[in-house]
């Protein structure tokens, strides 16, 4: 069993020229064989040294068995099996920390990100960018899925003020050395895009083709995306707390205005504001705001609690390393 902190301690800055492709895997036994067969000719045409890092994120099918078999047959394929399902970004963090080469490419395991589009994105990347995102030319998800995706991107932009937030994508190319910026990060809530932004300066996007899903449905549901957006906002930004403070200040002013109205009416008319509805509405508004602000503070306290527990972002249960040379050429 390998912990995240042990893997971090193995990270060094002397990276070899080449390409590391990192893929988080979850219940994708039906696509991995095709993924490898399509990646190989693409990577051979791009670099003499390359690797594919497959991180099994607690799959319930035979994905890990397929990964082990692939790593035995292909010296450039490496596998990491996490103890349970930690989440896509946690699995990505594991794979990025394990990458050997100076350029890292991340794609999904469902073949919606065509491997054949990698050369196009790398060409843009080699113009001197730190990170190049490859969003789809056209969104292919349903309305709720697209809405949740937009909310996640809005949370990312609000958290860090990154102008390219509306173009973030699971298909990305970046300098592996950027991981030095988050080498000491240790917590259960992970956003790879936020972590990359800690070290990246030049970020751009290049829309690419996105294929339809061949097997099953997306594991990223509307609820999961919303949860990810919430974790991103409360885990990496103080904006919600600032918003809570602004709401508290605004409604304090509203209360003072209401009080002034009651006093002035009493002085002019000689009686207070009549009726229970007015009083009930004021109490309801202020009670609701107080509970809302307490909820925001509670989210931050919960994340502080988990950080103090020192819960790791992932734990590696087993690995599957090639037995031969892993320079990128099959034996």
Protein backbone atom coordinates (compact mmCIF):
# COMPACT_ATOMS: atom_id res chain seq x y z
CA UNK A 1 0.00 0.00 0.00
CA UNK A 2 1.44 3.37 -1.07
CA UNK A 3 0.20 6.63 0.41
CA UNK A 4 0.02 9.93 -1.43
CA UNK A 5 2.71 11.47 0.77
CA UNK A 6 5.11 8.62 -0.09
CA UNK A 7 4.55 9.21 -3.79
CA UNK A 8 5.06 12.97 -3.36
CA UNK A 9 8.41 12.33 -1.71
CA UNK A 10 9.48 10.44 -4.84
CA UNK A 11 8.78 13.39 -7.14
CA UNK A 12 11.87 15.07 -8.54
CA UNK A 13 12.32 17.91 -11.00
CA UNK A 14 14.64 16.03 -13.39
CA UNK A 15 12.10 15.02 -15.99
CA UNK A 16 13.06 13.28 -19.22
CA UNK A 17 11.89 14.73 -22.55
CA UNK A 18 8.81 12.86 -23.67
CA UNK A 19 5.06 12.60 -23.22
CA UNK A 20 3.09 11.16 -20.32
CA UNK A 21 -0.59 10.49 -20.96
CA UNK A 22 -2.60 10.23 -17.73
CA UNK A 23 -6.05 8.62 -17.78
CA UNK A 24 -8.30 8.15 -14.71
CA UNK A 25 -10.22 4.90 -15.14
CA UNK A 26 -13.64 4.07 -13.73
CA UNK A 27 -15.68 1.11 -15.00
CA UNK A 28 -14.12 1.28 -18.46
CA UNK A 29 -13.07 -2.26 -19.22
CA UNK A 30 -14.70 -2.01 -22.65
CA UNK A 31 -12.70 1.00 -23.89
CA UNK A 32 -9.16 0.51 -22.56
CA UNK A 33 -7.96 -1.87 -25.28
CA UNK A 34 -9.09 0.49 -28.03
CA UNK A 35 -7.66 3.47 -26.15
CA UNK A 36 -4.19 1.87 -26.08
CA UNK A 37 -4.35 0.76 -29.73
CA UNK A 38 -5.29 4.27 -30.87
CA UNK A 39 -2.80 6.05 -28.61
CA UNK A 40 0.23 4.04 -29.68
CA UNK A 41 0.57 5.26 -33.30
CA UNK A 42 -0.22 8.82 -32.22
CA UNK A 43 2.46 8.89 -29.51
CA UNK A 44 5.03 7.15 -31.75
CA UNK A 45 4.66 9.98 -34.22
CA UNK A 46 5.18 12.62 -31.54
CA UNK A 47 8.09 11.43 -29.40
CA UNK A 48 10.64 8.67 -29.01
CA UNK A 49 9.74 8.34 -25.33
CA UNK A 50 6.21 8.18 -24.03
CA UNK A 51 4.04 6.43 -21.49
CA UNK A 52 0.42 5.85 -20.59
CA UNK A 53 -0.47 6.07 -16.90
CA UNK A 54 -3.80 4.39 -16.13
CA UNK A 55 -5.19 5.08 -12.64
CA UNK A 56 -8.00 2.74 -11.63
CA UNK A 57 -10.31 4.75 -9.38
CA UNK A 58 -12.10 1.94 -7.54
CA UNK A 59 -13.84 0.43 -10.58
CA UNK A 60 -16.51 -2.19 -9.97
CA UNK A 61 -15.86 -4.05 -13.22
CA UNK A 62 -12.69 -5.75 -14.52
CA UNK A 63 -10.88 -2.53 -15.40
CA UNK A 64 -7.90 -3.30 -13.15
CA UNK A 65 -7.44 -6.76 -14.67
CA UNK A 66 -7.45 -5.19 -18.13
CA UNK A 67 -4.88 -2.59 -17.01
CA UNK A 68 -2.58 -5.29 -15.61
CA UNK A 69 -2.82 -7.24 -18.87
CA UNK A 70 -2.11 -4.13 -20.94
CA UNK A 71 0.96 -3.22 -18.88
CA UNK A 72 2.32 -6.74 -19.35
CA UNK A 73 1.90 -6.57 -23.12
CA UNK A 74 2.98 -2.95 -23.60
CA UNK A 75 6.16 -1.69 -21.87
CA UNK A 76 4.93 1.90 -22.12
CA UNK A 77 1.73 1.29 -20.12
CA UNK A 78 1.76 1.69 -16.32
CA UNK A 79 -1.10 1.04 -13.92
CA UNK A 80 -2.05 2.30 -10.46
CA UNK A 81 -4.91 0.77 -8.51
CA UNK A 82 -6.47 2.98 -5.82
CA UNK A 83 -7.93 1.41 -2.69
CA UNK A 84 -11.40 2.84 -3.38
CA UNK A 85 -13.19 5.42 -5.49
CA UNK A 86 -11.71 8.83 -4.60
CA UNK A 87 -12.95 10.85 -7.58
CA UNK A 88 -11.68 11.78 -11.02
CA UNK A 89 -9.48 14.68 -9.92
CA UNK A 90 -7.93 12.68 -7.07
CA UNK A 91 -7.06 9.92 -9.53
CA UNK A 92 -5.62 12.53 -11.90
CA UNK A 93 -3.44 13.87 -9.08
CA UNK A 94 -2.07 10.38 -8.52
CA UNK A 95 -1.27 9.94 -12.20
CA UNK A 96 0.30 13.38 -12.60
CA UNK A 97 2.57 12.79 -9.62
CA UNK A 98 3.66 9.49 -11.16
CA UNK A 99 4.41 10.94 -14.63
CA UNK A 100 8.00 10.51 -15.84
CA UNK A 101 8.19 12.90 -18.76
CA UNK A 102 8.22 16.67 -19.11
CA UNK A 103 4.89 16.99 -20.95
CA UNK A 104 1.65 15.61 -19.52
CA UNK A 105 -1.56 14.98 -21.45
CA UNK A 106 -4.79 14.11 -19.62
CA UNK A 107 -7.81 12.60 -21.36
CA UNK A 108 -10.90 10.68 -20.31
CA UNK A 109 -11.22 6.90 -20.48
CA UNK A 110 -14.41 6.81 -22.55
CA UNK A 111 -12.84 7.76 -25.93
CA UNK A 112 -14.83 10.98 -26.13
CA UNK A 113 -11.46 12.74 -26.24
CA UNK A 114 -10.01 11.37 -29.52
CA UNK A 115 -6.32 10.46 -29.16
CA UNK A 116 -5.88 11.61 -32.76
CA UNK A 117 -6.47 15.22 -31.60
CA UNK A 118 -3.43 15.19 -29.28
CA UNK A 119 -0.93 16.34 -31.98
CA UNK A 120 -3.08 19.41 -32.69
CA UNK A 121 -3.16 20.39 -29.02
CA UNK A 122 0.58 19.71 -28.58
CA UNK A 123 1.35 21.99 -31.52
CA UNK A 124 -0.45 24.81 -29.73
CA UNK A 125 1.23 23.90 -26.43
CA UNK A 126 4.70 24.15 -27.99
CA UNK A 127 4.10 27.81 -28.79
CA UNK A 128 5.18 28.45 -25.19
CA UNK A 129 2.08 27.88 -23.07
CA UNK A 130 2.04 26.33 -19.62
CA UNK A 131 -1.41 24.76 -20.02
CA UNK A 132 -3.56 24.20 -23.10
CA UNK A 133 -7.15 23.06 -22.60
CA UNK A 134 -8.97 21.25 -25.40
CA UNK A 135 -12.71 21.87 -24.89
CA UNK A 136 -15.18 20.27 -27.32
CA UNK A 137 -16.15 22.27 -30.39
CA UNK A 138 -19.77 21.46 -29.57
CA UNK A 139 -21.26 20.36 -26.25
CA UNK A 140 -22.85 16.92 -26.56
CA UNK A 141 -24.37 16.53 -23.08
CA UNK A 142 -27.94 17.16 -21.99
CA UNK A 143 -29.17 20.48 -20.61
CA UNK A 144 -28.65 19.71 -16.89
CA UNK A 145 -25.16 18.27 -17.51
CA UNK A 146 -24.15 21.35 -19.52
CA UNK A 147 -25.64 23.65 -16.87
CA UNK A 148 -23.67 21.94 -14.10
CA UNK A 149 -20.52 22.15 -16.22
CA UNK A 150 -21.03 25.90 -16.69
CA UNK A 151 -21.54 26.33 -12.94
CA UNK A 152 -18.30 24.46 -12.26
CA UNK A 153 -16.41 26.71 -14.67
CA UNK A 154 -17.98 29.77 -13.05
CA UNK A 155 -16.83 28.50 -9.65
CA UNK A 156 -13.31 28.04 -11.01
CA UNK A 157 -13.24 31.56 -12.41
CA UNK A 158 -14.61 33.00 -9.17
CA UNK A 159 -12.13 31.04 -7.08
CA UNK A 160 -8.98 32.09 -8.91
CA UNK A 161 -9.98 34.77 -11.38
CA UNK A 162 -8.68 32.73 -14.34
CA UNK A 163 -9.97 34.25 -17.57
CA UNK A 164 -9.88 30.94 -19.46
CA UNK A 165 -12.18 29.27 -16.90
CA UNK A 166 -15.02 28.87 -19.42
CA UNK A 167 -12.74 26.67 -21.53
CA UNK A 168 -11.52 24.20 -18.91
CA UNK A 169 -11.74 20.58 -19.99
CA UNK A 170 -10.65 17.10 -18.98
CA UNK A 171 -8.55 17.09 -22.16
CA UNK A 172 -5.51 19.20 -21.33
CA UNK A 173 -1.77 19.43 -22.00
CA UNK A 174 0.63 21.00 -19.51
CA UNK A 175 4.21 21.13 -18.32
CA UNK A 176 4.71 18.32 -15.83
CA UNK A 177 6.95 20.62 -13.80
CA UNK A 178 3.82 22.52 -12.75
CA UNK A 179 3.23 19.78 -10.20
CA UNK A 180 6.03 21.32 -8.12
CA UNK A 181 3.54 24.09 -7.26
CA UNK A 182 1.28 21.59 -5.49
CA UNK A 183 3.83 18.97 -4.42
CA UNK A 184 2.93 19.49 -0.76
CA UNK A 185 -0.84 19.59 -1.26
CA UNK A 186 -2.45 17.03 0.98
CA UNK A 187 -6.22 16.99 1.37
CA UNK A 188 -9.29 15.01 0.33
CA UNK A 189 -10.77 17.73 -1.93
CA UNK A 190 -8.88 18.01 -5.21
CA UNK A 191 -9.39 20.20 -8.28
CA UNK A 192 -6.66 19.60 -10.83
CA UNK A 193 -7.51 22.82 -12.65
CA UNK A 194 -7.10 24.89 -9.48
CA UNK A 195 -3.82 23.17 -8.62
CA UNK A 196 -2.43 23.78 -12.11
CA UNK A 197 -3.42 27.44 -11.87
CA UNK A 198 -1.17 27.77 -8.81
CA UNK A 199 1.90 27.44 -11.05
CA UNK A 200 0.72 28.25 -14.56
CA UNK A 201 1.08 31.70 -16.11
CA UNK A 202 0.23 31.24 -19.77
CA UNK A 203 -3.05 29.35 -20.23
CA UNK A 204 -5.01 29.02 -23.44
CA UNK A 205 -7.61 26.80 -25.09
CA UNK A 206 -8.00 25.09 -28.46
CA UNK A 207 -11.42 23.58 -29.31
CA UNK A 208 -11.20 20.05 -30.71
CA UNK A 209 -13.50 17.31 -31.93
CA UNK A 210 -15.36 15.30 -29.33
CA UNK A 211 -16.68 11.86 -30.19
CA UNK A 212 -19.84 10.31 -28.82
CA UNK A 213 -19.63 7.90 -25.89
CA UNK A 214 -19.43 4.25 -26.96
CA UNK A 215 -20.26 2.53 -23.71
CA UNK A 216 -22.54 3.29 -20.73
CA UNK A 217 -23.29 6.76 -19.43
CA UNK A 218 -21.15 9.51 -18.03
CA UNK A 219 -20.09 9.01 -14.42
CA UNK A 220 -20.17 12.79 -13.95
CA UNK A 221 -23.79 13.53 -13.14
CA UNK A 222 -25.43 16.88 -12.49
CA UNK A 223 -25.21 16.29 -8.72
CA UNK A 224 -21.52 15.32 -8.83
CA UNK A 225 -20.61 18.38 -10.86
CA UNK A 226 -22.46 20.63 -8.43
CA UNK A 227 -20.65 18.98 -5.52
CA UNK A 228 -17.34 19.52 -7.31
CA UNK A 229 -18.16 23.19 -7.86
CA UNK A 230 -19.00 23.57 -4.16
CA UNK A 231 -15.77 21.85 -3.13
CA UNK A 232 -13.82 24.09 -5.48
CA UNK A 233 -15.36 27.28 -4.10
CA UNK A 234 -15.13 26.45 -0.40
CA UNK A 235 -11.87 24.49 -0.63
CA UNK A 236 -9.78 26.96 -2.64
CA UNK A 237 -11.44 30.37 -2.27
CA UNK A 238 -12.70 32.80 0.38
CA UNK A 239 -15.30 34.28 -1.99
CA UNK A 240 -18.29 32.55 -0.29
CA UNK A 241 -17.23 33.98 3.07
CA UNK A 242 -16.90 37.42 1.51
CA UNK A 243 -20.35 36.98 -0.03
CA UNK A 244 -21.73 36.01 3.40
CA UNK A 245 -20.19 39.12 4.93
CA UNK A 246 -21.68 41.28 2.18
CA UNK A 247 -25.12 39.74 2.74
CA UNK A 248 -24.85 40.32 6.49
CA UNK A 249 -23.88 43.96 5.95
CA UNK A 250 -26.64 44.50 3.36
CA UNK A 251 -29.39 43.10 5.55
CA UNK A 252 -28.11 45.05 8.53
CA UNK A 253 -28.66 48.19 6.46
CA UNK A 254 -32.10 46.87 5.50
CA UNK A 255 -32.91 46.41 9.19
CA UNK A 256 -31.77 49.94 9.99
CA UNK A 257 -33.95 51.28 7.16
CA UNK A 258 -36.94 49.32 8.52
CA UNK A 259 -36.24 50.65 12.01
CA UNK A 260 -35.99 54.22 10.71
CA UNK A 261 -39.29 53.76 8.86
CA UNK A 262 -41.03 52.58 12.04
CA UNK A 263 -39.61 55.43 14.17
CA UNK A 264 -40.38 58.14 11.60
CA UNK A 265 -43.91 56.81 11.10
CA UNK A 266 -44.43 56.86 14.88
CA UNK A 267 -43.20 60.47 15.11
CA UNK A 268 -45.29 61.70 12.17
CA UNK A 269 -48.46 59.59 12.43
CA UNK A 270 -48.35 58.88 16.14
CA UNK A 271 -48.56 55.10 15.82
CA UNK A 272 -46.28 52.20 14.90
CA UNK A 273 -46.58 50.04 11.77
CA UNK A 274 -49.72 47.93 12.28
CA UNK A 275 -50.11 44.26 11.51
CA UNK A 276 -48.38 40.96 12.17
CA UNK A 277 -47.40 40.27 8.49
CA UNK A 278 -44.87 43.10 8.44
CA UNK A 279 -43.15 41.86 11.60
CA UNK A 280 -43.26 38.22 10.47
CA UNK A 281 -41.74 39.02 7.06
CA UNK A 282 -38.87 40.98 8.61
CA UNK A 283 -38.11 38.17 11.08
CA UNK A 284 -38.28 35.54 8.32
CA UNK A 285 -35.88 37.46 6.08
CA UNK A 286 -33.29 37.97 8.80
CA UNK A 287 -33.58 34.40 10.08
CA UNK A 288 -33.14 33.04 6.58
CA UNK A 289 -30.04 35.14 5.98
CA UNK A 290 -28.54 34.07 9.30
CA UNK A 291 -29.07 30.39 8.52
CA UNK A 292 -27.64 30.82 5.02
CA UNK A 293 -24.50 32.53 6.34
CA UNK A 294 -24.12 29.88 9.04
CA UNK A 295 -24.37 27.23 6.33
CA UNK A 296 -21.48 28.80 4.40
CA UNK A 297 -19.38 29.01 7.55
CA UNK A 298 -20.29 25.40 8.30
CA UNK A 299 -18.96 24.29 4.89
CA UNK A 300 -15.61 25.91 5.66
CA UNK A 301 -15.52 24.36 9.14
CA UNK A 302 -16.20 20.94 7.62
CA UNK A 303 -13.28 21.33 5.21
CA UNK A 304 -11.02 22.49 8.04
CA UNK A 305 -12.11 19.40 9.98
CA UNK A 306 -11.19 17.08 7.10
CA UNK A 307 -7.85 18.84 6.63
CA UNK A 308 -7.07 18.42 10.34
CA UNK A 309 -7.90 14.73 10.03
CA UNK A 310 -5.02 14.57 7.51
CA UNK A 311 -7.10 12.45 5.15
CA UNK A 312 -5.05 11.76 1.98
CA UNK A 313 -6.41 12.58 -1.49
CA UNK A 314 -5.85 8.94 -2.50
CA UNK A 315 -4.11 5.74 -1.40
CA UNK A 316 -2.53 3.37 -3.90
CA UNK A 317 -3.40 -0.26 -3.26
CA UNK A 318 -1.19 -1.82 -5.97
CA UNK A 319 0.71 -0.97 -9.13
CA UNK A 320 1.39 -2.67 -12.43
CA UNK A 321 4.68 -1.62 -13.93
CA UNK A 322 6.09 -2.92 -17.25
CA UNK A 323 8.66 -5.68 -16.88
CA UNK A 324 10.68 -4.56 -19.87
CA UNK A 325 12.03 -1.26 -21.13
CA UNK A 326 9.49 1.54 -20.79
CA UNK A 327 11.02 3.92 -23.33
CA UNK A 328 7.89 3.83 -25.44
CA UNK A 329 8.69 0.95 -27.76
CA UNK A 330 6.90 -2.38 -27.53
CA UNK A 331 9.10 -5.43 -27.26
